[in-house]
Amino acid sequence: MRPRFSLFKWLLLLPVRLLILVAWLWAAAGCYYFPGLPQKVQIVLCAALGLSTIVIFIVSRGFFRFVLFTIGFVALGFALESGKASNEHQWNPMHARSPSIVFDGNIVTIKNFRNFNYRSVSDFAEQWEERTIDLNTVEGVDYVIQPFAKWRGLAHTFVTFRFTGGTNLTISVEARRELDEEYHPVAGLFHHFELLYLIGSEKDLIGSRASIREYPIYLFPTRATSAEARTLLKEMLERAQALTVSPEYYQTAFKNCTTTVIGHVNQQRTNKIRFDWRVYLPGYVDELAFELGLIDFNGSLKEARPKCRIYRTGGNELAEAEWSKMLREQIGRVE
């Protein structure tokens, strides 16, 4: 006799079914973006996952089915985590070098400081330099946000440090791409990219995004004191050097452009920045920063966004200090 359908039992098991569905989707994405494999092999893995799922549903029931799924997911998880990050790849020219940093008290020497000159997204003159900075001359830090899709939630965020004299320094935490490799947030969940602290000039790291890319970019001044900005910069430089020596993987959800900066900021705060959905949708992280009182702006976020937006840059003929001054004149912060 055919068993009667029980709505109560079905609803009771719904969370388990949803958990299995999410785990299966994660496994499918892991197979498709399995690092280090040709795309044809990745597609074969996806097909094998689908076939094995059908077989498990046919030959097993109840708890035994759950055990088989669990074993498969754990095995795939271990396989995905087994790789080791490396700095020895053929890199995209924009990520070709990782910074090398030497501290001598408050004097810091940075090798592989990026200062490219751009004619278009794909046409630029590469220029890697050696810079020496004095941490005692740090005046403050600004927060930069640029969406990279039509939906605002997907965005890149980074910080730029202001120095006495106006020759500033920008640090952008990025997914380091290999030659001919494109960024994809799902791929970033599965050890596809190494983690890179890219250090360069504002004219390069902000100017390239403002002048040759299609999405808006915002520069928000923060309320950090010079001492707080100095400590943040020192910690980020130390972290950049550590990654040059011992590379790590980028991770879209937990080790990305926004979470890493928040991690550094939290080292200085007694009132830590806790879990918030806007951290994982960085296009909205300016809302969180306003709520926490981190942004130096007298007004609402609705008023700040158009006033802190960078509408034009140009000025390729200008020296860096003059270029940074021109940039801040747009938001009323003339250095």
Protein backbone atom coordinates (compact mmCIF):
# COMPACT_ATOMS: atom_id res chain seq x y z
CA MET A 1 0.00 0.00 0.00
CA ARG A 2 1.37 3.40 -0.98
CA PRO A 3 2.30 5.51 2.08
CA ARG A 4 0.18 8.63 2.64
CA PHE A 5 1.79 11.99 2.03
CA SER A 6 2.41 13.87 5.26
CA LEU A 7 2.67 17.65 4.92
CA PHE A 8 3.90 17.97 8.50
CA LYS A 9 6.75 15.52 7.89
CA TRP A 10 7.63 17.23 4.62
CA LEU A 11 7.82 20.64 6.32
CA LEU A 12 9.80 19.16 9.20
CA LEU A 13 12.43 17.86 6.79
CA LEU A 14 12.45 21.00 4.63
CA PRO A 15 15.50 22.60 6.36
CA VAL A 16 17.47 19.39 5.80
CA ARG A 17 16.46 19.31 2.16
CA LEU A 18 17.45 22.95 1.71
CA LEU A 19 20.80 22.28 3.38
CA ILE A 20 21.44 19.38 1.02
CA LEU A 21 20.47 21.55 -1.96
CA VAL A 22 22.87 24.33 -0.91
CA ALA A 23 25.63 21.76 -0.34
CA TRP A 24 24.96 20.23 -3.75
CA LEU A 25 25.11 23.64 -5.46
CA TRP A 26 28.40 24.33 -3.64
CA ALA A 27 29.73 20.97 -4.84
CA ALA A 28 28.65 21.69 -8.42
CA ALA A 29 30.38 25.07 -8.34
CA GLY A 30 33.46 23.45 -6.80
CA CYS A 31 33.60 20.91 -9.62
CA TYR A 32 33.14 23.54 -12.31
CA TYR A 33 35.78 25.85 -10.81
CA PHE A 34 38.11 23.13 -9.52
CA PRO A 35 41.49 24.90 -9.49
CA GLY A 36 44.30 23.80 -11.76
CA LEU A 37 42.20 21.65 -14.11
CA PRO A 38 41.36 22.24 -17.80
CA GLN A 39 37.79 23.34 -18.42
CA LYS A 40 36.90 20.06 -20.16
CA VAL A 41 37.91 18.11 -17.06
CA GLN A 42 35.90 20.49 -14.87
CA ILE A 43 32.82 19.83 -17.02
CA VAL A 44 33.41 16.07 -16.72
CA LEU A 45 33.54 16.46 -12.93
CA CYS A 46 30.21 18.28 -12.99
CA ALA A 47 28.68 15.50 -15.10
CA ALA A 48 30.08 12.89 -12.71
CA LEU A 49 28.56 14.75 -9.77
CA GLY A 50 25.15 14.82 -11.45
CA LEU A 51 25.32 11.11 -12.35
CA SER A 52 26.45 10.08 -8.87
CA THR A 53 23.61 12.12 -7.35
CA ILE A 54 21.06 10.24 -9.47
CA VAL A 55 22.61 6.89 -8.54
CA ILE A 56 22.59 7.73 -4.82
CA PHE A 57 18.89 8.65 -4.99
CA ILE A 58 18.10 5.39 -6.79
CA VAL A 59 20.09 2.92 -4.67
CA SER A 60 19.81 4.47 -1.19
CA ARG A 61 17.24 5.86 1.20
CA GLY A 62 17.00 7.91 4.38
CA PHE A 63 20.03 8.02 6.65
CA PHE A 64 22.24 5.97 4.32
CA ARG A 65 21.63 8.48 1.53
CA PHE A 66 22.60 11.30 3.90
CA VAL A 67 25.83 9.45 4.84
CA LEU A 68 26.80 9.00 1.17
CA PHE A 69 26.20 12.67 0.42
CA THR A 70 28.22 13.70 3.49
CA ILE A 71 31.17 11.50 2.50
CA GLY A 72 31.13 12.93 -1.01
CA PHE A 73 30.96 16.56 0.15
CA VAL A 74 33.74 16.09 2.72
CA ALA A 75 35.99 14.38 0.12
CA LEU A 76 35.41 17.22 -2.35
CA GLY A 77 36.08 19.78 0.37
CA PHE A 78 39.41 18.18 1.24
CA ALA A 79 40.35 18.04 -2.46
CA LEU A 80 39.54 21.73 -2.93
CA GLU A 81 41.53 22.69 0.18
CA SER A 82 44.57 20.56 -0.68
CA GLY A 83 46.23 23.07 -3.00
CA LYS A 84 49.03 25.38 -1.91
CA ALA A 85 49.19 29.05 -2.79
CA SER A 86 52.19 30.22 -4.78
CA ASN A 87 53.73 33.44 -6.07
CA GLU A 88 55.33 31.56 -8.97
CA HIS A 89 52.86 31.89 -11.84
CA GLN A 90 52.66 33.82 -15.09
CA TRP A 91 50.74 36.81 -13.83
CA ASN A 92 48.49 39.33 -15.44
CA PRO A 93 50.68 42.43 -16.10
CA MET A 94 48.68 44.48 -13.58
CA HIS A 95 49.52 41.90 -10.88
CA ALA A 96 52.95 40.94 -12.18
CA ARG A 97 54.87 41.86 -9.03
CA SER A 98 54.17 41.54 -5.33
CA PRO A 99 55.55 44.25 -3.03
CA SER A 100 58.79 43.82 -1.14
CA ILE A 101 58.93 45.94 2.02
CA VAL A 102 61.78 46.77 4.39
CA PHE A 103 61.28 48.60 7.70
CA ASP A 104 63.94 50.76 9.31
CA GLY A 105 62.14 52.30 12.24
CA ASN A 106 59.58 54.69 10.77
CA ILE A 107 61.31 54.72 7.39
CA VAL A 108 59.83 52.14 5.01
CA THR A 109 61.23 51.14 1.62
CA ILE A 110 58.71 49.66 -0.81
CA LYS A 111 59.89 47.83 -3.91
CA ASN A 112 57.45 47.00 -6.73
CA PHE A 113 55.36 50.11 -6.10
CA ARG A 114 52.95 50.33 -9.04
CA ASN A 115 52.69 53.61 -10.95
CA PHE A 116 51.27 52.78 -14.39
CA ASN A 117 50.20 55.33 -17.00
CA TYR A 118 46.96 54.44 -18.82
CA ARG A 119 45.63 55.18 -22.25
CA SER A 120 42.83 52.57 -22.00
CA VAL A 121 41.95 49.46 -19.97
CA SER A 122 44.30 47.32 -22.05
CA ASP A 123 46.79 49.97 -23.20
CA PHE A 124 49.13 51.18 -20.48
CA ALA A 125 52.79 51.80 -19.77
CA GLU A 126 54.06 49.56 -16.97
CA GLN A 127 56.11 51.30 -14.32
CA TRP A 128 57.23 49.55 -11.13
CA GLU A 129 59.19 51.76 -8.76
CA GLU A 130 60.99 51.79 -5.44
CA ARG A 131 59.59 54.29 -2.93
CA THR A 132 60.68 55.33 0.55
CA ILE A 133 58.11 56.72 2.97
CA ASP A 134 58.21 58.11 6.49
CA LEU A 135 55.37 56.78 8.65
CA ASN A 136 55.58 59.94 10.77
CA THR A 137 54.26 61.95 7.81
CA VAL A 138 50.97 60.04 7.51
CA GLU A 139 48.07 62.46 7.93
CA GLY A 140 44.97 60.32 7.39
CA VAL A 141 43.23 57.64 5.35
CA ASP A 142 40.35 57.67 2.88
CA TYR A 143 38.06 54.81 1.86
CA VAL A 144 37.37 54.09 -1.81
CA ILE A 145 34.41 52.12 -3.20
CA GLN A 146 33.70 51.21 -6.82
CA PRO A 147 30.86 48.91 -7.92
CA PHE A 148 31.87 46.62 -10.79
CA ALA A 149 28.40 45.51 -11.93
CA LYS A 150 25.04 47.11 -12.65
CA TRP A 151 23.84 45.81 -9.29
CA ARG A 152 25.45 47.94 -6.61
CA GLY A 153 26.18 45.08 -4.20
CA LEU A 154 29.19 43.81 -6.14
CA ALA A 155 32.01 46.29 -5.57
CA HIS A 156 35.73 46.68 -4.95
CA THR A 157 36.88 48.64 -1.91
CA PHE A 158 40.33 49.84 -0.87
CA VAL A 159 42.13 52.50 1.16
CA THR A 160 44.40 55.40 0.30
CA PHE A 161 46.70 57.15 2.78
CA ARG A 162 47.35 60.89 2.83
CA PHE A 163 50.85 62.16 3.59
CA THR A 164 52.33 65.55 4.38
CA GLY A 165 53.37 66.97 1.02
CA GLY A 166 50.53 65.27 -0.86
CA THR A 167 52.39 62.32 -2.43
CA ASN A 168 49.93 59.70 -1.25
CA LEU A 169 49.93 55.90 -1.21
CA THR A 170 47.11 53.48 -2.05
CA ILE A 171 46.70 49.84 -0.97
CA SER A 172 44.22 47.62 -2.78
CA VAL A 173 43.68 44.04 -1.59
CA GLU A 174 42.96 42.01 -4.71
CA ALA A 175 42.48 38.58 -6.20
CA ARG A 176 45.77 38.11 -8.03
CA ARG A 177 45.02 37.00 -11.56
CA GLU A 178 47.22 34.92 -13.82
CA LEU A 179 47.83 35.75 -17.47
CA ASP A 180 44.56 35.69 -19.47
CA GLU A 181 42.58 34.91 -16.30
CA GLU A 182 39.36 36.79 -15.52
CA TYR A 183 37.97 37.44 -12.06
CA HIS A 184 34.75 35.71 -11.07
CA PRO A 185 33.36 35.84 -7.52
CA VAL A 186 32.29 32.17 -7.58
CA ALA A 187 35.75 31.07 -8.75
CA GLY A 188 37.17 33.07 -5.85
CA LEU A 189 35.44 30.68 -3.43
CA PHE A 190 37.61 27.78 -4.63
CA HIS A 191 41.30 28.77 -4.46
CA HIS A 192 41.45 30.18 -7.97
CA PHE A 193 43.36 33.31 -6.99
CA GLU A 194 46.18 34.24 -4.66
CA LEU A 195 45.77 37.16 -2.25
CA LEU A 196 47.67 40.33 -3.21
CA TYR A 197 48.16 43.61 -1.36
CA LEU A 198 48.74 45.86 -4.35
CA ILE A 199 50.58 49.07 -3.40
CA GLY A 200 50.78 52.02 -5.74
CA SER A 201 50.07 55.65 -6.46
CA GLU A 202 46.63 57.25 -6.32
CA LYS A 203 47.16 58.38 -9.88
CA ASP A 204 47.39 54.71 -10.90
CA LEU A 205 45.05 52.78 -8.60
CA ILE A 206 42.32 55.42 -8.37
CA GLY A 207 42.93 57.21 -11.67
CA SER A 208 42.69 54.05 -13.76
CA ARG A 209 39.36 53.12 -12.18
CA ALA A 210 37.91 56.61 -12.46
CA SER A 211 38.92 57.45 -16.01
CA ILE A 212 38.82 54.21 -18.03
CA ARG A 213 36.20 52.05 -16.31
CA GLU A 214 32.46 52.39 -16.74
CA TYR A 215 31.26 52.30 -13.13
CA PRO A 216 31.20 55.18 -10.60
CA ILE A 217 33.90 55.46 -7.94
CA TYR A 218 33.60 57.13 -4.54
CA LEU A 219 36.26 58.49 -2.19
CA PHE A 220 35.06 58.87 1.41
CA PRO A 221 37.29 60.73 3.90
CA THR A 222 37.44 58.94 7.24
CA ARG A 223 37.63 60.23 10.80
CA ALA A 224 40.78 58.22 11.56
CA THR A 225 43.45 60.26 13.34
CA SER A 226 46.97 60.46 11.96
CA ALA A 227 48.10 57.96 14.63
CA GLU A 228 45.31 55.52 13.71
CA ALA A 229 46.04 55.89 10.00
CA ARG A 230 49.75 55.34 10.66
CA THR A 231 49.07 52.14 12.61
CA LEU A 232 46.70 50.87 9.91
CA LEU A 233 49.27 51.54 7.20
CA LYS A 234 52.05 49.83 9.15
CA GLU A 235 49.92 46.73 9.74
CA MET A 236 48.90 46.52 6.08
CA LEU A 237 52.49 46.90 4.91
CA GLU A 238 53.58 44.14 7.30
CA ARG A 239 50.80 41.92 5.98
CA ALA A 240 51.78 42.66 2.37
CA GLN A 241 55.36 41.60 3.09
CA ALA A 242 54.19 38.44 4.88
CA LEU A 243 52.18 37.42 1.78
CA THR A 244 55.24 37.94 -0.42
CA VAL A 245 57.13 35.47 1.76
CA SER A 246 54.24 33.06 2.51
CA PRO A 247 51.46 33.40 -0.10
CA GLU A 248 47.81 32.68 0.72
CA TYR A 249 44.65 32.21 -1.29
CA TYR A 250 42.07 34.91 -1.85
CA GLN A 251 38.58 33.86 -0.76
CA THR A 252 35.51 35.70 -2.05
CA ALA A 253 33.47 35.42 1.16
CA PHE A 254 36.00 35.57 3.99
CA LYS A 255 39.31 36.93 2.69
CA ASN A 256 38.50 39.65 0.20
CA CYS A 257 39.08 43.37 -0.37
CA THR A 258 36.60 44.40 2.33
CA THR A 259 36.96 41.76 5.06
CA THR A 260 40.75 42.12 5.14
CA VAL A 261 40.59 45.90 5.65
CA ILE A 262 37.93 45.46 8.34
CA GLY A 263 40.19 42.91 10.02
CA HIS A 264 43.00 45.49 10.18
CA VAL A 265 40.61 48.18 11.45
CA ASN A 266 39.28 45.83 14.16
CA GLN A 267 42.79 45.40 15.54
CA GLN A 268 42.58 49.03 16.68
CA ARG A 269 38.96 49.07 17.87
CA THR A 270 37.65 47.97 21.23
CA ASN A 271 34.15 48.00 19.71
CA LYS A 272 34.78 45.53 16.91
CA ILE A 273 32.92 45.66 13.61
CA ARG A 274 30.72 42.58 13.84
CA PHE A 275 29.03 40.43 11.24
CA ASP A 276 26.89 42.49 8.89
CA TRP A 277 25.45 41.53 5.51
CA ARG A 278 26.88 44.72 3.98
CA VAL A 279 30.43 43.47 4.58
CA TYR A 280 29.70 40.69 2.09
CA LEU A 281 28.02 43.02 -0.40
CA PRO A 282 30.69 45.76 -0.36
CA GLY A 283 28.75 48.17 -2.54
CA TYR A 284 26.66 48.86 0.56
CA VAL A 285 29.51 48.98 3.06
CA ASP A 286 29.45 52.80 3.01
CA GLU A 287 26.08 52.54 4.81
CA LEU A 288 27.75 50.54 7.57
CA ALA A 289 30.69 52.95 7.75
CA PHE A 290 28.28 55.88 8.16
CA GLU A 291 26.35 54.09 10.90
CA LEU A 292 29.59 53.45 12.79
CA GLY A 293 30.66 57.10 12.46
CA LEU A 294 33.78 56.27 10.44
CA ILE A 295 33.13 58.67 7.54
CA ASP A 296 34.10 62.34 7.93
CA PHE A 297 31.10 64.01 6.35
CA ASN A 298 28.53 66.40 7.82
CA GLY A 299 25.35 65.14 6.28
CA SER A 300 23.56 61.98 5.27
CA LEU A 301 24.87 59.16 3.10
CA LYS A 302 22.37 60.22 0.44
CA GLU A 303 24.07 63.63 0.38
CA ALA A 304 27.58 62.17 0.62
CA ARG A 305 27.46 59.80 -2.33
CA PRO A 306 27.15 62.44 -5.08
CA LYS A 307 29.58 64.79 -3.28
CA CYS A 308 32.19 62.07 -2.72
CA ARG A 309 31.92 60.66 -6.21
CA ILE A 310 34.94 61.14 -8.47
CA TYR A 311 33.53 62.44 -11.74
CA ARG A 312 36.73 63.21 -13.61
CA THR A 313 40.45 62.73 -13.25
CA GLY A 314 42.64 63.33 -16.30
CA GLY A 315 45.68 65.42 -15.49
CA ASN A 316 48.18 62.81 -16.65
CA GLU A 317 50.74 65.58 -17.01
CA LEU A 318 50.45 66.52 -13.32
CA ALA A 319 52.85 65.42 -10.59
CA GLU A 320 51.35 62.98 -8.11
CA ALA A 321 50.85 65.56 -5.34
CA GLU A 322 49.06 67.92 -7.73
CA TRP A 323 46.96 65.07 -9.10
CA SER A 324 45.86 64.08 -5.57
CA LYS A 325 45.03 67.71 -4.81
CA MET A 326 42.92 67.92 -7.96
CA LEU A 327 41.16 64.72 -6.94
CA ARG A 328 40.19 66.02 -3.50
CA GLU A 329 39.05 69.39 -4.81
CA GLN A 330 36.09 67.51 -6.25
CA ILE A 331 34.90 66.58 -2.76
CA GLY A 332 36.01 69.78 -1.03
CA ARG A 333 39.13 68.41 0.66
CA VAL A 334 42.00 70.45 -0.71
CA GLU A 335 45.24 69.24 0.84
